[in-house]
């Protein structure tokens, strides 16, 4: 049995009973699902109160049997995943009721394909005990329930991670000459990168990270003739980032700016009223600290009322927020430390993971297979400065292989180094973008790709060390010397 197939079988045994068993597990609605379900022709069942959607997972949704008057609020590649799930639901279950498990089937099937390619890339061409250890490591890290719970939800995060893993696997497969035909992997890489950037509005800056990764393809000597096409691919990914940012609707922008203000500008500030007054905002809005745009219960000030829009939301912009943090650098660094404290909190804590029919308490969390997320949350240092220091150390570690392969005329270390550099830019950049774009609200969800990028790097590091290819391109028998 190949290590890749071994990983797939173990993953199925670990994840399927949890996601698709008698008790459905997933993430409840934190107030964001409406952006996806209504524009895709669905609406929720009636609930006792708004807080019920936060407290319990709702496994079924109505499918509209009439004209859908709801406009698209968020333009996203997530729609492709949702439409495929709806197609399966209609073929196998119902045209009137949508079961969230079909969303889970689509998400997990595509995710499993990405993990298979990643495992093949990490273990090729070795099929010894170390390769099966690497396969089990992939299961332990990426089948963590904090991640797989996203599958049974309408969050965009599982699609983003899946597409990122396809892009990473494609680069590693290219660097290690696993397959004779390379052009399908190049297509897979560019398509996955573009769709990942287009997955959600917060991913628009990640086009720069993927451009960094793509630069590694220019160092392949045999590809001199196709370099113009590679440069065209880089331009296409960057353009996708620009389009993703340009398509952010005013309504969506107002939501983000409101929470950037209440969960960012007003947080970690001893005198918030004085600080915002100096920036042109009425100091009375300092009372709205930690106020969500979608409050689960009563809110003293409605984010959507005319006064709030006129005197607050209309004055906020990304430029205003950046200028504010430039004037208050200590507050900004304090907020970055808040992101560091929450970097490894992958599991969404504000919502429940069980349906109400399971008999659990409101907002009850599942802890079925959470070894990796628990370890990282418990022991990972909680300072943003550590993230920067760790990035420097990892760059130095992988630069050894870069230098050795350049001297030897190999490209494996070059492609891997640029991949790691791009992933590190996600680790450092995503927390910054999260604070500027939405404050400290829903950090587990907004920073999701940052810890995932770090875990991808660590898996590559351990796997290459085990197979004797960390310091140089793979040499037959090298793993015997480890």
Protein backbone atom coordinates (compact mmCIF):
# COMPACT_ATOMS: atom_id res chain seq x y z
CA UNK A 1 0.00 0.00 0.00
CA UNK A 2 1.37 3.42 -0.93
CA UNK A 3 1.77 5.99 1.88
CA UNK A 4 -0.76 8.21 0.09
CA UNK A 5 -3.43 5.52 -0.01
CA UNK A 6 -2.62 4.60 3.60
CA UNK A 7 -3.21 8.22 4.62
CA UNK A 8 -6.55 8.31 2.76
CA UNK A 9 -7.84 5.16 4.48
CA UNK A 10 -6.82 6.34 7.95
CA UNK A 11 -8.38 9.77 7.30
CA UNK A 12 -11.66 8.19 6.25
CA UNK A 13 -11.70 6.06 9.42
CA UNK A 14 -10.96 9.06 11.61
CA UNK A 15 -13.15 11.77 10.06
CA UNK A 16 -16.21 10.09 8.55
CA UNK A 17 -17.79 8.76 11.78
CA UNK A 18 -17.38 12.23 13.30
CA UNK A 19 -18.82 14.30 10.44
CA UNK A 20 -21.37 11.91 8.97
CA UNK A 21 -22.36 9.65 11.86
CA UNK A 22 -25.72 9.51 13.65
CA UNK A 23 -24.86 12.77 15.44
CA UNK A 24 -23.89 15.49 12.95
CA UNK A 25 -20.93 17.66 13.96
CA UNK A 26 -20.01 21.01 12.48
CA UNK A 27 -20.01 24.71 13.26
CA UNK A 28 -23.19 26.64 14.01
CA UNK A 29 -24.01 29.93 12.32
CA UNK A 30 -22.15 32.91 13.80
CA UNK A 31 -24.22 35.34 11.72
CA UNK A 32 -22.21 34.96 8.50
CA UNK A 33 -24.13 32.13 6.83
CA UNK A 34 -26.80 34.41 5.37
CA UNK A 35 -24.26 35.79 2.90
CA UNK A 36 -23.97 32.32 1.37
CA UNK A 37 -27.31 30.58 1.82
CA UNK A 38 -29.71 33.27 0.55
CA UNK A 39 -27.76 34.05 -2.61
CA UNK A 40 -27.62 30.30 -3.30
CA UNK A 41 -31.37 29.82 -2.94
CA UNK A 42 -31.63 28.52 0.64
CA UNK A 43 -33.00 29.82 3.92
CA UNK A 44 -32.91 28.48 7.50
CA UNK A 45 -35.61 26.72 9.43
CA UNK A 46 -37.40 28.85 12.03
CA UNK A 47 -35.64 28.96 15.41
CA UNK A 48 -36.76 29.94 18.88
CA UNK A 49 -34.50 33.00 18.98
CA UNK A 50 -31.56 34.48 17.12
CA UNK A 51 -29.18 33.09 19.75
CA UNK A 52 -30.23 29.53 18.79
CA UNK A 53 -28.24 29.85 15.59
CA UNK A 54 -25.11 30.58 17.60
CA UNK A 55 -25.78 27.88 20.16
CA UNK A 56 -26.62 24.86 18.01
CA UNK A 57 -25.73 23.43 14.63
CA UNK A 58 -28.69 23.45 12.24
CA UNK A 59 -28.19 20.47 9.92
CA UNK A 60 -30.95 21.28 7.41
CA UNK A 61 -32.05 24.29 5.38
CA UNK A 62 -35.01 25.01 3.12
CA UNK A 63 -34.40 25.22 -0.63
CA UNK A 64 -36.37 28.07 -2.21
CA UNK A 65 -39.18 26.89 -4.49
CA UNK A 66 -39.68 30.37 -5.94
CA UNK A 67 -37.74 33.19 -7.59
CA UNK A 68 -34.67 34.14 -5.56
CA UNK A 69 -34.72 37.90 -5.12
CA UNK A 70 -31.56 38.00 -3.00
CA UNK A 71 -28.56 39.57 -4.71
CA UNK A 72 -25.06 38.18 -4.29
CA UNK A 73 -23.52 39.86 -1.25
CA UNK A 74 -20.08 38.24 -1.44
CA UNK A 75 -18.44 37.17 -4.70
CA UNK A 76 -16.42 34.07 -3.86
CA UNK A 77 -15.13 30.81 -5.29
CA UNK A 78 -16.94 29.20 -2.35
CA UNK A 79 -20.03 29.27 -4.58
CA UNK A 80 -18.49 26.45 -6.65
CA UNK A 81 -18.34 24.24 -3.55
CA UNK A 82 -21.91 25.15 -2.55
CA UNK A 83 -23.34 24.52 -6.02
CA UNK A 84 -21.68 21.10 -6.19
CA UNK A 85 -23.12 20.22 -2.76
CA UNK A 86 -26.57 21.34 -3.90
CA UNK A 87 -26.27 19.18 -7.01
CA UNK A 88 -25.44 16.09 -4.93
CA UNK A 89 -28.19 16.95 -2.46
CA UNK A 90 -30.75 17.13 -5.28
CA UNK A 91 -29.58 13.87 -6.86
CA UNK A 92 -29.36 11.83 -3.67
CA UNK A 93 -31.63 13.44 -1.09
CA UNK A 94 -34.15 16.21 -1.80
CA UNK A 95 -34.99 19.22 -3.96
CA UNK A 96 -36.74 20.96 -1.05
CA UNK A 97 -34.43 20.35 1.92
CA UNK A 98 -30.66 20.82 1.94
CA UNK A 99 -28.69 18.66 4.38
CA UNK A 100 -25.44 20.24 5.60
CA UNK A 101 -23.72 16.85 5.34
CA UNK A 102 -23.64 17.21 1.56
CA UNK A 103 -21.62 20.36 2.10
CA UNK A 104 -19.36 18.26 4.30
CA UNK A 105 -19.04 15.52 1.67
CA UNK A 106 -17.93 17.99 -1.00
CA UNK A 107 -15.54 19.82 1.31
CA UNK A 108 -13.98 16.67 2.73
CA UNK A 109 -13.69 14.82 -0.60
CA UNK A 110 -11.79 17.71 -2.20
CA UNK A 111 -9.75 18.17 0.99
CA UNK A 112 -8.81 14.49 1.02
CA UNK A 113 -7.58 14.75 -2.56
CA UNK A 114 -5.30 17.62 -1.58
CA UNK A 115 -3.94 15.67 1.40
CA UNK A 116 -3.27 12.68 -0.86
CA UNK A 117 -1.18 14.77 -3.28
CA UNK A 118 0.64 16.38 -0.35
CA UNK A 119 1.47 12.97 1.13
CA UNK A 120 2.73 11.71 -2.25
CA UNK A 121 4.95 14.79 -2.56
CA UNK A 122 6.34 14.41 0.96
CA UNK A 123 7.12 10.69 0.68
CA UNK A 124 8.22 10.24 -2.96
CA UNK A 125 10.12 8.09 -3.87
CA UNK A 126 10.52 6.34 -0.51
CA UNK A 127 8.18 3.60 0.70
CA UNK A 128 9.70 2.70 4.05
CA UNK A 129 8.52 2.98 7.63
CA UNK A 130 9.40 6.69 7.66
CA UNK A 131 6.96 7.33 4.83
CA UNK A 132 4.10 5.77 6.76
CA UNK A 133 5.07 7.84 9.81
CA UNK A 134 4.84 10.93 7.58
CA UNK A 135 1.40 9.77 6.38
CA UNK A 136 0.24 9.43 9.98
CA UNK A 137 1.67 12.88 10.74
CA UNK A 138 -0.45 14.32 7.91
CA UNK A 139 -3.52 12.69 9.46
CA UNK A 140 -2.67 13.95 12.96
CA UNK A 141 -2.10 17.53 11.80
CA UNK A 142 -4.71 18.08 9.10
CA UNK A 143 -7.55 15.79 10.22
CA UNK A 144 -7.78 17.62 13.52
CA UNK A 145 -11.44 18.13 14.43
CA UNK A 146 -10.94 21.87 14.85
CA UNK A 147 -10.31 21.87 11.08
CA UNK A 148 -12.78 19.20 9.93
CA UNK A 149 -15.66 20.82 11.83
CA UNK A 150 -15.51 23.57 9.20
CA UNK A 151 -16.56 21.00 6.59
CA UNK A 152 -20.14 20.88 7.89
CA UNK A 153 -20.74 24.62 7.70
CA UNK A 154 -21.13 27.49 5.26
CA UNK A 155 -17.83 29.08 6.24
CA UNK A 156 -15.42 29.69 3.37
CA UNK A 157 -12.40 28.47 5.35
CA UNK A 158 -12.41 24.77 4.33
CA UNK A 159 -12.39 25.71 0.66
CA UNK A 160 -9.56 28.17 1.20
CA UNK A 161 -7.43 25.60 3.02
CA UNK A 162 -8.15 22.91 0.44
CA UNK A 163 -7.11 25.18 -2.43
CA UNK A 164 -3.96 26.25 -0.56
CA UNK A 165 -3.04 22.59 -0.01
CA UNK A 166 -3.51 21.82 -3.71
CA UNK A 167 -1.19 24.73 -4.58
CA UNK A 168 1.43 23.58 -2.04
CA UNK A 169 1.23 19.97 -3.20
CA UNK A 170 1.57 21.02 -6.85
CA UNK A 171 4.77 22.99 -6.15
CA UNK A 172 6.28 20.12 -4.15
CA UNK A 173 5.36 17.59 -6.83
CA UNK A 174 6.95 19.81 -9.47
CA UNK A 175 10.12 20.29 -7.45
CA UNK A 176 10.56 16.55 -6.92
CA UNK A 177 9.72 15.36 -10.46
CA UNK A 178 7.09 12.96 -9.18
CA UNK A 179 5.14 12.91 -12.46
CA UNK A 180 6.51 12.90 -16.00
CA UNK A 181 3.98 15.42 -17.28
CA UNK A 182 4.44 18.72 -15.48
CA UNK A 183 1.94 20.99 -17.20
CA UNK A 184 -1.13 19.55 -15.34
CA UNK A 185 0.58 20.43 -12.05
CA UNK A 186 1.31 23.96 -13.28
CA UNK A 187 -2.34 24.38 -14.24
CA UNK A 188 -3.43 22.93 -10.88
CA UNK A 189 -1.14 25.37 -9.07
CA UNK A 190 -2.35 28.51 -10.85
CA UNK A 191 -6.03 27.55 -10.74
CA UNK A 192 -5.83 26.64 -7.04
CA UNK A 193 -3.95 29.84 -6.22
CA UNK A 194 -6.43 32.06 -8.05
CA UNK A 195 -9.47 30.33 -6.53
CA UNK A 196 -7.90 30.48 -3.05
CA UNK A 197 -7.37 34.25 -3.37
CA UNK A 198 -10.96 34.61 -4.63
CA UNK A 199 -12.29 32.40 -1.81
CA UNK A 200 -13.00 35.34 0.50
CA UNK A 201 -12.37 39.08 0.56
CA UNK A 202 -9.75 38.84 3.32
CA UNK A 203 -7.67 36.60 1.02
CA UNK A 204 -7.10 39.35 -1.56
CA UNK A 205 -3.65 40.30 -0.10
CA UNK A 206 -2.60 36.63 -0.31
CA UNK A 207 -2.16 37.13 -4.05
CA UNK A 208 1.20 38.68 -3.11
CA UNK A 209 2.14 35.57 -1.12
CA UNK A 210 1.30 33.28 -4.03
CA UNK A 211 3.27 35.53 -6.37
CA UNK A 212 6.31 34.98 -4.15
CA UNK A 213 5.81 31.21 -4.35
CA UNK A 214 5.43 31.35 -8.12
CA UNK A 215 8.77 33.11 -8.56
CA UNK A 216 10.42 29.77 -7.79
CA UNK A 217 9.16 28.39 -11.12
CA UNK A 218 11.34 30.92 -12.94
CA UNK A 219 14.47 29.15 -11.64
CA UNK A 220 13.77 25.88 -13.48
CA UNK A 221 16.44 25.89 -16.26
CA UNK A 222 14.40 23.71 -18.62
CA UNK A 223 11.52 26.19 -18.50
CA UNK A 224 13.20 29.22 -20.03
CA UNK A 225 10.84 29.14 -23.00
CA UNK A 226 7.74 29.14 -20.80
CA UNK A 227 8.85 31.92 -18.46
CA UNK A 228 6.57 34.45 -20.19
CA UNK A 229 3.64 32.16 -19.39
CA UNK A 230 4.75 31.92 -15.76
CA UNK A 231 4.95 35.70 -15.56
CA UNK A 232 1.48 35.80 -17.10
CA UNK A 233 0.29 33.40 -14.40
CA UNK A 234 1.73 35.65 -11.69
CA UNK A 235 -0.06 38.62 -13.26
CA UNK A 236 -3.31 36.63 -13.35
CA UNK A 237 -3.06 35.74 -9.65
CA UNK A 238 -2.31 39.36 -8.74
CA UNK A 239 -5.22 40.52 -10.88
CA UNK A 240 -7.46 38.05 -9.05
CA UNK A 241 -6.45 39.72 -5.79
CA UNK A 242 -7.32 43.14 -7.20
CA UNK A 243 -10.69 41.93 -8.51
CA UNK A 244 -11.47 40.21 -5.18
CA UNK A 245 -10.84 43.48 -3.33
CA UNK A 246 -12.78 45.54 -5.87
CA UNK A 247 -15.85 43.27 -5.58
CA UNK A 248 -16.27 43.88 -1.86
CA UNK A 249 -19.78 45.30 -1.53
CA UNK A 250 -20.56 48.41 0.50
CA UNK A 251 -22.68 46.35 2.91
CA UNK A 252 -19.87 43.89 3.51
CA UNK A 253 -17.36 46.71 3.86
CA UNK A 254 -19.58 48.46 6.43
CA UNK A 255 -19.75 45.27 8.50
CA UNK A 256 -15.98 44.87 8.47
CA UNK A 257 -15.28 48.54 9.22
CA UNK A 258 -17.77 48.54 12.09
CA UNK A 259 -16.11 45.53 13.74
CA UNK A 260 -12.65 46.91 12.97
CA UNK A 261 -13.70 49.92 15.04
CA UNK A 262 -15.43 48.12 17.92
CA UNK A 263 -13.04 45.14 18.12
CA UNK A 264 -9.85 46.95 17.11
CA UNK A 265 -9.67 50.72 17.42
CA UNK A 266 -11.45 50.70 20.78
CA UNK A 267 -9.53 47.69 22.16
CA UNK A 268 -6.23 47.81 24.08
CA UNK A 269 -6.69 51.57 24.49
CA UNK A 270 -6.87 53.15 27.97
CA UNK A 271 -8.61 56.30 26.73
CA UNK A 272 -10.57 55.25 23.64
CA UNK A 273 -12.90 58.25 23.71
CA UNK A 274 -10.02 60.71 23.62
CA UNK A 275 -8.21 58.68 20.93
CA UNK A 276 -11.14 58.52 18.50
CA UNK A 277 -12.12 62.15 19.12
CA UNK A 278 -8.65 63.13 17.93
CA UNK A 279 -9.32 61.13 14.76
CA UNK A 280 -12.63 62.82 13.99
CA UNK A 281 -15.11 60.38 15.57
CA UNK A 282 -17.58 61.41 18.28
CA UNK A 283 -16.22 60.09 21.57
CA UNK A 284 -19.64 58.71 22.58
CA UNK A 285 -19.00 55.79 20.18
CA UNK A 286 -16.28 54.58 22.55
CA UNK A 287 -19.15 52.96 24.47
CA UNK A 288 -19.54 50.45 21.61
CA UNK A 289 -16.36 48.55 22.46
CA UNK A 290 -16.60 44.82 21.60
CA UNK A 291 -19.97 45.32 19.92
CA UNK A 292 -20.66 42.85 17.08
CA UNK A 293 -22.37 43.88 13.86
CA UNK A 294 -24.58 40.78 14.22
CA UNK A 295 -25.37 40.86 17.96
CA UNK A 296 -26.81 37.59 19.25
CA UNK A 297 -29.14 39.41 21.64
CA UNK A 298 -30.21 42.98 22.49
CA UNK A 299 -27.89 45.77 21.37
CA UNK A 300 -28.09 49.31 22.78
CA UNK A 301 -26.99 50.80 19.45
CA UNK A 302 -27.95 49.19 16.17
CA UNK A 303 -25.04 49.17 13.71
CA UNK A 304 -27.47 49.68 10.81
CA UNK A 305 -29.41 52.71 12.07
CA UNK A 306 -29.10 56.05 10.31
CA UNK A 307 -27.25 57.83 13.11
CA UNK A 308 -24.56 55.13 13.31
CA UNK A 309 -24.16 55.14 9.54
CA UNK A 310 -23.92 58.93 9.33
CA UNK A 311 -21.65 59.63 12.29
CA UNK A 312 -19.51 56.48 12.36
CA UNK A 313 -19.58 53.95 9.52
CA UNK A 314 -19.47 56.52 6.72
CA UNK A 315 -16.29 58.02 8.23
CA UNK A 316 -14.44 54.73 8.48
CA UNK A 317 -12.20 53.29 5.78
CA UNK A 318 -9.08 51.15 5.51
CA UNK A 319 -7.04 54.32 5.08
CA UNK A 320 -8.55 55.83 8.23
CA UNK A 321 -7.74 52.67 10.23
CA UNK A 322 -4.15 52.50 8.96
CA UNK A 323 -3.60 56.20 9.74
CA UNK A 324 -5.04 55.67 13.23
CA UNK A 325 -2.68 52.76 14.00
CA UNK A 326 0.31 54.70 12.67
CA UNK A 327 -0.49 57.36 15.28
CA UNK A 328 -0.99 54.70 17.97
CA UNK A 329 1.80 52.13 17.40
CA UNK A 330 1.76 50.78 20.97
CA UNK A 331 -1.93 49.95 20.69
CA UNK A 332 -1.34 48.27 17.33
CA UNK A 333 1.45 46.09 18.74
CA UNK A 334 -0.79 45.20 21.69
CA UNK A 335 -3.45 44.10 19.21
CA UNK A 336 -0.86 42.06 17.34
CA UNK A 337 -0.04 40.28 20.60
CA UNK A 338 -3.77 39.56 20.93
CA UNK A 339 -3.63 37.88 17.51
CA UNK A 340 -0.60 35.89 18.66
CA UNK A 341 -2.50 34.66 21.71
CA UNK A 342 -5.30 33.48 19.42
CA UNK A 343 -3.16 32.29 16.51
CA UNK A 344 -3.47 28.61 17.39
CA UNK A 345 -7.09 28.79 18.52
CA UNK A 346 -8.31 27.19 15.31
CA UNK A 347 -11.61 25.94 16.70
CA UNK A 348 -14.34 28.59 16.55
CA UNK A 349 -15.36 29.21 20.15
CA UNK A 350 -18.37 31.50 19.74
CA UNK A 351 -20.67 28.82 18.31
CA UNK A 352 -21.81 25.31 19.16
CA UNK A 353 -20.68 22.14 17.39
CA UNK A 354 -23.74 19.93 18.03
CA UNK A 355 -27.38 20.00 16.88
CA UNK A 356 -29.92 20.64 19.61
CA UNK A 357 -31.33 17.13 19.07
CA UNK A 358 -28.05 15.70 20.46
CA UNK A 359 -29.10 16.87 23.92
CA UNK A 360 -25.96 18.87 24.68
CA UNK A 361 -25.71 22.33 26.18
CA UNK A 362 -25.76 25.56 24.18
CA UNK A 363 -22.46 26.36 22.40
CA UNK A 364 -21.04 22.97 23.42
CA UNK A 365 -17.63 22.28 21.85
CA UNK A 366 -16.51 18.96 20.38
CA UNK A 367 -13.10 17.52 21.32
CA UNK A 368 -13.06 14.30 19.32
CA UNK A 369 -9.67 14.38 17.55
CA UNK A 370 -8.03 17.61 18.65
CA UNK A 371 -4.53 16.51 19.65
CA UNK A 372 -2.65 18.83 17.29
CA UNK A 373 -4.76 21.93 17.91
CA UNK A 374 -4.64 21.33 21.67
CA UNK A 375 -0.84 21.00 21.69
CA UNK A 376 -0.32 24.10 19.56
CA UNK A 377 -2.79 26.13 21.60
CA UNK A 378 -1.17 25.07 24.87
CA UNK A 379 2.52 25.47 24.04
CA UNK A 380 2.84 27.95 21.19
CA UNK A 381 4.32 31.27 22.48
CA UNK A 382 1.84 34.12 22.62
CA UNK A 383 3.85 37.06 21.32
CA UNK A 384 3.75 38.40 17.79
CA UNK A 385 7.49 39.02 18.03
CA UNK A 386 7.94 35.24 18.31
CA UNK A 387 6.18 34.78 14.95
CA UNK A 388 8.73 37.10 13.36
CA UNK A 389 11.65 35.36 15.12
CA UNK A 390 10.31 31.93 14.08
CA UNK A 391 10.00 33.12 10.48
CA UNK A 392 13.64 34.23 10.49
CA UNK A 393 14.78 30.87 11.91
CA UNK A 394 12.79 28.89 9.35
CA UNK A 395 14.18 31.02 6.52
CA UNK A 396 17.71 30.26 7.76
CA UNK A 397 16.97 26.53 8.02
CA UNK A 398 15.56 26.21 4.51
CA UNK A 399 18.17 28.57 3.03
CA UNK A 400 20.80 25.87 3.64
CA UNK A 401 19.01 23.58 1.17
CA UNK A 402 18.57 26.55 -1.18
CA UNK A 403 22.32 27.27 -1.20
CA UNK A 404 23.29 23.59 -1.58
CA UNK A 405 20.90 23.02 -4.49
CA UNK A 406 21.98 26.19 -6.30
CA UNK A 407 25.60 25.04 -6.11
CA UNK A 408 24.62 21.55 -7.30
CA UNK A 409 22.45 22.89 -10.12
CA UNK A 410 19.27 21.38 -8.61
CA UNK A 411 15.92 23.16 -8.33
CA UNK A 412 14.20 21.25 -5.51
CA UNK A 413 15.58 23.46 -2.74
CA UNK A 414 14.84 26.64 -4.69
CA UNK A 415 11.17 25.82 -5.24
CA UNK A 416 10.78 24.66 -1.65
CA UNK A 417 12.45 27.81 -0.29
CA UNK A 418 10.15 30.12 -2.27
CA UNK A 419 7.17 28.04 -1.13
CA UNK A 420 8.21 28.39 2.51
CA UNK A 421 8.82 32.12 2.02
CA UNK A 422 5.32 32.58 0.62
CA UNK A 423 3.75 30.58 3.46
CA UNK A 424 5.68 32.61 6.04
CA UNK A 425 4.32 35.80 4.49
CA UNK A 426 0.84 34.37 5.18
CA UNK A 427 1.84 33.63 8.79
CA UNK A 428 2.98 37.22 9.34
CA UNK A 429 0.60 39.05 7.01
CA UNK A 430 -2.77 37.47 7.82
CA UNK A 431 -2.85 38.66 11.48
CA UNK A 432 -2.02 42.19 10.32
CA UNK A 433 -4.74 42.09 7.66
CA UNK A 434 -7.21 40.64 10.19
CA UNK A 435 -6.68 43.49 12.66
CA UNK A 436 -6.92 46.17 10.00
CA UNK A 437 -9.84 44.52 8.22
CA UNK A 438 -12.03 43.25 11.09
CA UNK A 439 -10.32 43.96 14.40
CA UNK A 440 -10.05 41.09 16.84
CA UNK A 441 -13.51 39.71 15.99
CA UNK A 442 -13.68 36.02 15.03
CA UNK A 443 -9.90 35.67 15.04
CA UNK A 444 -10.03 31.86 14.86
CA UNK A 445 -11.86 32.16 11.55
CA UNK A 446 -10.14 35.19 10.07
CA UNK A 447 -6.60 33.99 10.85
CA UNK A 448 -7.33 30.40 9.88
CA UNK A 449 -4.81 30.23 7.04
CA UNK A 450 -1.99 31.65 9.20
CA UNK A 451 -1.69 28.67 11.59
CA UNK A 452 -2.40 26.33 8.69
CA UNK A 453 0.53 27.81 6.75
CA UNK A 454 2.81 27.32 9.74
CA UNK A 455 1.68 23.72 10.18
CA UNK A 456 2.27 23.04 6.48
CA UNK A 457 5.85 24.34 6.86
CA UNK A 458 6.44 22.23 9.97
CA UNK A 459 5.13 19.10 8.22
CA UNK A 460 7.47 19.76 5.27
CA UNK A 461 10.36 20.34 7.68
CA UNK A 462 9.83 17.08 9.59
CA UNK A 463 9.11 15.01 6.48
CA UNK A 464 12.20 16.25 4.63
CA UNK A 465 14.37 15.71 7.70
CA UNK A 466 13.13 12.12 7.98
CA UNK A 467 13.78 11.45 4.30
CA UNK A 468 17.22 13.09 4.24
CA UNK A 469 16.36 15.88 1.82
CA UNK A 470 16.26 18.89 4.15
CA UNK A 471 19.78 20.13 3.38
CA UNK A 472 19.94 19.15 -0.30
CA UNK A 473 17.93 17.61 -3.12
CA UNK A 474 16.92 13.99 -2.58
CA UNK A 475 19.64 11.39 -3.13
CA UNK A 476 18.86 7.71 -3.22
CA UNK A 477 19.61 6.13 0.11
CA UNK A 478 19.83 9.48 1.90
CA UNK A 479 17.05 8.53 4.28
CA UNK A 480 19.22 5.65 5.52
CA UNK A 481 21.73 8.18 6.84
CA UNK A 482 19.17 10.18 8.85
